[in-house]
């Protein structure tokens, strides 16, 4: 159970929609939880004035200093208002977004915040200052010293997790090994069973028709089936592997499964974003802290216009509370 009632929200890439989504949610009173933002006050003031949102913004030095009635911000002082370039790929913005996440992660590890919620970073922008950056999840995992971390996408209709995420499809196929698959099934079962009573979990195959008994590949027989058998022996509510082309129909239309363990990034992301693009939530599994995120990108094409939806942020915050309450 959590002992801290303050949550942390990173504002994301200053060139993207993250800052305005947070401001918009604050202006509309959509966030009911006590929270502190990790970012730059100058960035938030820029968007606040540009969009005429009228949010009161206050710099604080610690999550313990938050006050009601305003947007409290751990001010990093990395950017000025003249540095903000909505919709443009920017090295300084990418580097700043990374630092916001680093600070929030350290605060979560220290118990200063109950959980962290992240708004979108732009990988290309952050790689301009950190060439090895591949994503939020990997960065936070490294900071936490976590070896086995994966992404879980949550929507009202379905939950998916991934054996691999931000790597080439060639490398993703090579990563589909029994040990890794077993670990992801375990992480999935632990998380989903905390959220859904009597959860039912399916595992997707890697190849067309789940390999068709070796006709289209042997990963199912050699790697996935043994992992599923091990998980079932441990009492996990898991079945599979199933042909990927019919599994999502079985889960969503037939209501046979609550969650699906996918073998690679797009196998899970494509159907989830089709089902619930604006309301999906990203959860990092395998961390010693609770971290949720919006399930959308920086949307440079609409940044600074005020039209970006707050739906995913609100759901990410609510899910962070649920998970923090069950730690």
Protein backbone atom coordinates (compact mmCIF):
# COMPACT_ATOMS: atom_id res chain seq x y z
CA UNK A 1 0.00 0.00 0.00
CA UNK A 2 1.21 3.51 -0.76
CA UNK A 3 2.23 5.79 2.09
CA UNK A 4 2.56 8.95 -0.02
CA UNK A 5 -0.44 10.69 -1.55
CA UNK A 6 1.45 12.97 -3.97
CA UNK A 7 1.88 11.82 -7.58
CA UNK A 8 4.42 13.00 -10.13
CA UNK A 9 3.71 13.97 -13.76
CA UNK A 10 6.50 14.63 -16.26
CA UNK A 11 5.50 17.19 -18.91
CA UNK A 12 7.17 15.40 -21.83
CA UNK A 13 8.92 16.99 -24.78
CA UNK A 14 8.39 20.79 -24.62
CA UNK A 15 7.89 20.85 -28.40
CA UNK A 16 5.02 18.36 -28.21
CA UNK A 17 1.52 18.23 -26.78
CA UNK A 18 2.50 17.10 -23.27
CA UNK A 19 2.70 20.52 -21.58
CA UNK A 20 -0.60 21.74 -23.01
CA UNK A 21 -2.40 18.49 -22.13
CA UNK A 22 -1.36 18.89 -18.50
CA UNK A 23 -2.35 22.55 -18.47
CA UNK A 24 -5.67 21.77 -20.10
CA UNK A 25 -6.43 19.02 -17.59
CA UNK A 26 -5.56 21.38 -14.74
CA UNK A 27 -7.70 24.19 -16.16
CA UNK A 28 -10.68 21.84 -16.51
CA UNK A 29 -10.21 20.37 -13.03
CA UNK A 30 -9.92 16.86 -14.47
CA UNK A 31 -7.12 15.65 -12.19
CA UNK A 32 -8.51 14.87 -8.76
CA UNK A 33 -5.28 13.57 -7.25
CA UNK A 34 -2.63 15.70 -5.54
CA UNK A 35 0.34 15.87 -7.89
CA UNK A 36 3.47 17.76 -8.80
CA UNK A 37 4.72 18.35 -12.34
CA UNK A 38 8.32 17.74 -13.40
CA UNK A 39 9.36 20.20 -16.09
CA UNK A 40 10.19 23.84 -16.73
CA UNK A 41 7.98 26.63 -15.42
CA UNK A 42 8.93 28.73 -18.46
CA UNK A 43 7.61 26.04 -20.82
CA UNK A 44 4.30 25.75 -19.00
CA UNK A 45 3.87 29.52 -18.85
CA UNK A 46 4.54 29.73 -22.59
CA UNK A 47 1.69 27.34 -23.42
CA UNK A 48 -0.53 28.75 -20.69
CA UNK A 49 -0.33 32.21 -22.27
CA UNK A 50 -0.44 30.96 -25.85
CA UNK A 51 -3.66 29.03 -25.24
CA UNK A 52 -5.18 31.45 -22.74
CA UNK A 53 -5.82 28.76 -20.15
CA UNK A 54 -5.42 30.95 -17.09
CA UNK A 55 -3.73 28.31 -14.95
CA UNK A 56 -1.87 29.49 -11.85
CA UNK A 57 1.65 28.01 -12.03
CA UNK A 58 3.85 27.74 -8.95
CA UNK A 59 7.47 26.53 -8.66
CA UNK A 60 8.19 24.21 -5.73
CA UNK A 61 11.39 22.59 -4.53
CA UNK A 62 9.85 19.33 -3.30
CA UNK A 63 6.68 17.24 -3.72
CA UNK A 64 6.04 17.96 -0.05
CA UNK A 65 5.57 21.66 -0.88
CA UNK A 66 2.51 21.32 -3.12
CA UNK A 67 -0.43 23.61 -2.52
CA UNK A 68 -4.02 23.35 -3.72
CA UNK A 69 -5.43 25.67 -6.35
CA UNK A 70 -2.42 25.83 -8.67
CA UNK A 71 -0.15 23.76 -10.90
CA UNK A 72 2.87 22.93 -8.74
CA UNK A 73 6.09 22.38 -10.68
CA UNK A 74 9.54 21.05 -9.83
CA UNK A 75 11.27 23.65 -12.00
CA UNK A 76 14.38 22.32 -13.77
CA UNK A 77 15.30 25.72 -15.20
CA UNK A 78 16.60 24.17 -18.42
CA UNK A 79 14.58 26.19 -20.94
CA UNK A 80 13.27 29.72 -21.31
CA UNK A 81 10.11 30.72 -23.14
CA UNK A 82 12.18 31.70 -26.19
CA UNK A 83 13.53 28.12 -26.36
CA UNK A 84 10.07 26.63 -26.89
CA UNK A 85 9.35 25.68 -30.53
CA UNK A 86 5.99 23.90 -30.80
CA UNK A 87 5.98 21.13 -33.38
CA UNK A 88 9.71 21.27 -34.09
CA UNK A 89 12.31 18.61 -33.47
CA UNK A 90 14.68 20.22 -30.99
CA UNK A 91 17.82 18.95 -29.24
CA UNK A 92 17.34 21.09 -26.14
CA UNK A 93 13.71 20.02 -25.77
CA UNK A 94 14.62 16.34 -26.11
CA UNK A 95 17.37 16.65 -23.50
CA UNK A 96 15.08 18.51 -21.11
CA UNK A 97 12.36 15.87 -21.43
CA UNK A 98 14.91 13.23 -20.46
CA UNK A 99 15.94 15.15 -17.36
CA UNK A 100 12.33 15.52 -16.21
CA UNK A 101 11.98 11.72 -16.30
CA UNK A 102 15.28 11.16 -14.49
CA UNK A 103 14.26 13.50 -11.66
CA UNK A 104 10.79 11.99 -11.30
CA UNK A 105 12.15 8.45 -11.31
CA UNK A 106 14.60 9.28 -8.54
CA UNK A 107 11.77 10.87 -6.55
CA UNK A 108 9.65 7.74 -6.95
CA UNK A 109 12.54 5.51 -5.90
CA UNK A 110 13.06 7.69 -2.82
CA UNK A 111 9.38 7.46 -1.90
CA UNK A 112 8.80 11.18 -2.42
CA UNK A 113 5.96 10.48 -4.86
CA UNK A 114 3.50 7.58 -4.86
CA UNK A 115 3.86 6.95 -8.59
CA UNK A 116 4.94 8.70 -11.76
CA UNK A 117 2.85 9.47 -14.84
CA UNK A 118 4.70 10.43 -18.01
CA UNK A 119 3.63 12.57 -20.92
CA UNK A 120 5.20 11.83 -24.33
CA UNK A 121 8.83 12.24 -25.29
CA UNK A 122 10.13 12.30 -28.84
CA UNK A 123 12.76 9.59 -29.29
CA UNK A 124 14.46 11.31 -32.22
CA UNK A 125 14.75 14.59 -30.31
CA UNK A 126 16.17 12.94 -27.20
CA UNK A 127 18.63 10.90 -29.26
CA UNK A 128 20.21 14.15 -30.44
CA UNK A 129 21.77 14.45 -26.96
CA UNK A 130 21.56 10.80 -25.88
CA UNK A 131 22.19 8.53 -28.90
CA UNK A 132 21.50 5.40 -26.85
CA UNK A 133 18.00 6.47 -25.84
CA UNK A 134 15.31 4.04 -27.04
CA UNK A 135 12.32 4.99 -24.90
CA UNK A 136 10.84 5.92 -21.54
CA UNK A 137 10.59 2.34 -20.34
CA UNK A 138 14.20 1.47 -21.03
CA UNK A 139 15.48 4.70 -19.45
CA UNK A 140 13.41 4.26 -16.29
CA UNK A 141 14.33 0.58 -16.11
CA UNK A 142 18.03 1.43 -16.22
CA UNK A 143 17.63 4.07 -13.52
CA UNK A 144 15.83 1.53 -11.34
CA UNK A 145 18.35 -1.22 -12.01
CA UNK A 146 15.57 -3.43 -13.39
CA UNK A 147 16.61 -6.20 -15.76
CA UNK A 148 13.24 -7.46 -17.00
CA UNK A 149 10.94 -4.62 -17.97
CA UNK A 150 8.11 -4.55 -20.47
CA UNK A 151 5.19 -2.43 -21.62
CA UNK A 152 1.58 -3.17 -20.75
CA UNK A 153 -1.10 -1.28 -22.66
CA UNK A 154 -4.43 -0.97 -20.87
CA UNK A 155 -7.80 -0.03 -22.34
CA UNK A 156 -11.37 -0.68 -21.30
CA UNK A 157 -11.60 -3.44 -23.90
CA UNK A 158 -8.30 -5.26 -23.66
CA UNK A 159 -4.84 -5.38 -22.06
CA UNK A 160 -1.69 -6.33 -23.96
CA UNK A 161 1.93 -6.84 -22.92
CA UNK A 162 5.05 -7.36 -25.03
CA UNK A 163 7.98 -9.76 -25.02
CA UNK A 164 9.98 -7.09 -26.88
CA UNK A 165 9.31 -3.44 -27.63
CA UNK A 166 11.70 -0.91 -29.12
CA UNK A 167 13.89 -2.99 -31.39
CA UNK A 168 13.92 -4.08 -35.01
CA UNK A 169 11.59 -6.88 -36.05
CA UNK A 170 14.63 -9.02 -36.84
CA UNK A 171 15.91 -8.59 -33.28
CA UNK A 172 12.42 -9.04 -31.85
CA UNK A 173 12.19 -12.50 -33.45
CA UNK A 174 15.56 -13.42 -31.96
CA UNK A 175 14.40 -12.17 -28.54
CA UNK A 176 11.39 -14.51 -28.44
CA UNK A 177 13.03 -17.06 -26.14
CA UNK A 178 11.49 -19.24 -23.43
CA UNK A 179 13.20 -17.46 -20.52
CA UNK A 180 12.08 -13.99 -21.66
CA UNK A 181 8.58 -15.14 -22.59
CA UNK A 182 8.18 -16.85 -19.21
CA UNK A 183 9.21 -13.68 -17.40
CA UNK A 184 6.77 -11.52 -19.38
CA UNK A 185 3.93 -13.97 -18.75
CA UNK A 186 4.73 -13.81 -15.02
CA UNK A 187 4.82 -9.98 -15.00
CA UNK A 188 1.57 -9.91 -16.97
CA UNK A 189 -0.16 -12.34 -14.65
CA UNK A 190 0.96 -10.45 -11.54
CA UNK A 191 -0.30 -7.11 -12.91
CA UNK A 192 -3.52 -8.24 -14.58
CA UNK A 193 -4.63 -10.34 -11.63
CA UNK A 194 -4.29 -7.22 -9.45
CA UNK A 195 -6.62 -5.35 -11.77
CA UNK A 196 -9.15 -7.98 -12.85
CA UNK A 197 -10.70 -10.73 -10.68
CA UNK A 198 -10.48 -14.19 -12.30
CA UNK A 199 -8.37 -12.82 -15.14
CA UNK A 200 -7.89 -14.82 -18.33
CA UNK A 201 -4.61 -14.38 -20.24
CA UNK A 202 -3.71 -15.56 -23.74
CA UNK A 203 -0.31 -15.79 -25.40
CA UNK A 204 0.03 -14.91 -29.09
CA UNK A 205 2.12 -16.90 -31.50
CA UNK A 206 5.01 -15.32 -33.36
CA UNK A 207 4.47 -16.79 -36.82
CA UNK A 208 1.41 -16.92 -39.12
CA UNK A 209 -1.12 -19.45 -37.79
CA UNK A 210 1.12 -19.82 -34.70
CA UNK A 211 3.60 -21.75 -36.83
CA UNK A 212 1.12 -24.39 -38.00
CA UNK A 213 2.99 -27.16 -36.12
CA UNK A 214 6.36 -26.08 -37.48
CA UNK A 215 5.26 -25.47 -41.06
CA UNK A 216 5.82 -21.70 -40.83
CA UNK A 217 8.39 -21.60 -38.04
CA UNK A 218 9.32 -23.50 -34.91
CA UNK A 219 9.41 -20.73 -32.29
CA UNK A 220 5.98 -21.71 -31.02
CA UNK A 221 7.03 -25.32 -30.36
CA UNK A 222 10.52 -24.60 -29.06
CA UNK A 223 10.08 -21.35 -27.12
CA UNK A 224 6.48 -20.23 -26.58
CA UNK A 225 4.74 -23.50 -25.73
CA UNK A 226 7.31 -24.44 -23.05
CA UNK A 227 6.95 -20.98 -21.50
CA UNK A 228 3.16 -21.30 -21.38
CA UNK A 229 3.43 -24.81 -19.91
CA UNK A 230 5.77 -23.51 -17.19
CA UNK A 231 3.39 -20.64 -16.36
CA UNK A 232 0.41 -22.97 -16.08
CA UNK A 233 2.39 -25.20 -13.72
CA UNK A 234 2.89 -22.13 -11.53
CA UNK A 235 -0.87 -21.59 -11.44
CA UNK A 236 -1.04 -18.62 -13.80
CA UNK A 237 -4.33 -18.25 -15.75
CA UNK A 238 -2.70 -18.46 -19.19
CA UNK A 239 -3.40 -20.29 -22.45
CA UNK A 240 -1.70 -20.44 -25.84
CA UNK A 241 0.01 -19.85 -28.11
CA UNK A 242 -2.83 -18.84 -30.42
CA UNK A 243 -2.70 -17.66 -34.05
CA UNK A 244 -2.26 -13.86 -33.87
CA UNK A 245 -4.70 -13.17 -36.72
CA UNK A 246 -7.68 -14.57 -34.77
CA UNK A 247 -6.64 -14.06 -31.16
CA UNK A 248 -7.70 -10.42 -30.88
CA UNK A 249 -11.13 -11.27 -32.29
CA UNK A 250 -11.46 -14.02 -29.68
CA UNK A 251 -10.49 -11.60 -26.92
CA UNK A 252 -12.45 -8.52 -27.92
CA UNK A 253 -15.52 -9.88 -29.71
CA UNK A 254 -15.91 -13.23 -27.99
CA UNK A 255 -14.75 -11.86 -24.59
CA UNK A 256 -12.68 -14.98 -24.04
CA UNK A 257 -9.56 -13.22 -22.72
CA UNK A 258 -8.80 -10.12 -20.67
CA UNK A 259 -5.16 -9.79 -21.70
CA UNK A 260 -2.80 -10.94 -24.43
CA UNK A 261 0.96 -11.45 -24.20
CA UNK A 262 2.32 -10.32 -27.58
CA UNK A 263 5.66 -11.26 -29.09
CA UNK A 264 6.69 -7.82 -30.39
CA UNK A 265 5.79 -4.13 -30.35
CA UNK A 266 3.37 -3.75 -33.26
CA UNK A 267 1.59 -7.03 -32.62
CA UNK A 268 0.09 -5.41 -29.52
CA UNK A 269 0.22 -1.70 -30.27
CA UNK A 270 -1.65 -1.78 -33.58
CA UNK A 271 -4.87 -3.41 -32.29
CA UNK A 272 -4.84 -1.48 -29.00
CA UNK A 273 -4.50 1.87 -30.73
CA UNK A 274 -7.28 0.91 -33.12
CA UNK A 275 -9.51 -0.01 -30.18
CA UNK A 276 -8.79 3.03 -28.02
CA UNK A 277 -6.27 5.51 -29.41
CA UNK A 278 -7.08 8.42 -27.08
CA UNK A 279 -7.88 6.52 -23.90
CA UNK A 280 -5.21 3.82 -23.79
CA UNK A 281 -2.67 3.80 -20.96
CA UNK A 282 0.90 2.53 -20.98
CA UNK A 283 2.19 0.78 -17.83
CA UNK A 284 5.79 -0.27 -17.24
CA UNK A 285 6.02 -3.72 -15.64
CA UNK A 286 9.02 -5.09 -13.79
CA UNK A 287 9.91 -1.86 -11.98
CA UNK A 288 10.19 -1.29 -8.22
CA UNK A 289 8.02 1.83 -8.73
CA UNK A 290 4.64 2.49 -10.34
CA UNK A 291 4.86 4.25 -13.69
CA UNK A 292 2.03 4.84 -16.14
CA UNK A 293 1.98 6.90 -19.31
CA UNK A 294 -0.27 8.21 -22.01
CA UNK A 295 -0.41 5.87 -24.98
CA UNK A 296 0.25 8.46 -27.66
CA UNK A 297 3.18 10.42 -29.00
CA UNK A 298 4.24 14.05 -29.04
CA UNK A 299 1.89 14.87 -31.97
CA UNK A 300 4.09 17.64 -33.36
CA UNK A 301 1.48 18.30 -36.07
CA UNK A 302 -1.00 19.71 -33.52
CA UNK A 303 1.37 20.93 -30.78
CA UNK A 304 0.51 24.38 -29.50
CA UNK A 305 -3.02 24.39 -30.94
CA UNK A 306 -4.84 23.27 -27.79
CA UNK A 307 -6.79 20.48 -29.51
CA UNK A 308 -4.93 17.51 -27.98
CA UNK A 309 -7.12 15.24 -25.84
CA UNK A 310 -6.58 14.86 -22.11
CA UNK A 311 -8.33 11.47 -21.99
CA UNK A 312 -5.23 9.28 -21.89
CA UNK A 313 -3.59 11.43 -19.19
CA UNK A 314 -6.66 11.22 -16.95
CA UNK A 315 -6.85 7.46 -17.34
CA UNK A 316 -3.10 7.12 -16.76
CA UNK A 317 -3.44 9.02 -13.49
CA UNK A 318 -6.39 6.93 -12.33
CA UNK A 319 -4.59 3.70 -13.17
CA UNK A 320 -1.47 4.89 -11.34
CA UNK A 321 -3.62 5.35 -8.23
CA UNK A 322 -5.11 1.86 -8.55
CA UNK A 323 -1.68 0.28 -8.95
CA UNK A 324 -0.11 2.31 -6.16
CA UNK A 325 -2.93 1.26 -3.84
CA UNK A 326 -2.14 -2.41 -4.56
CA UNK A 327 1.65 -2.35 -4.34
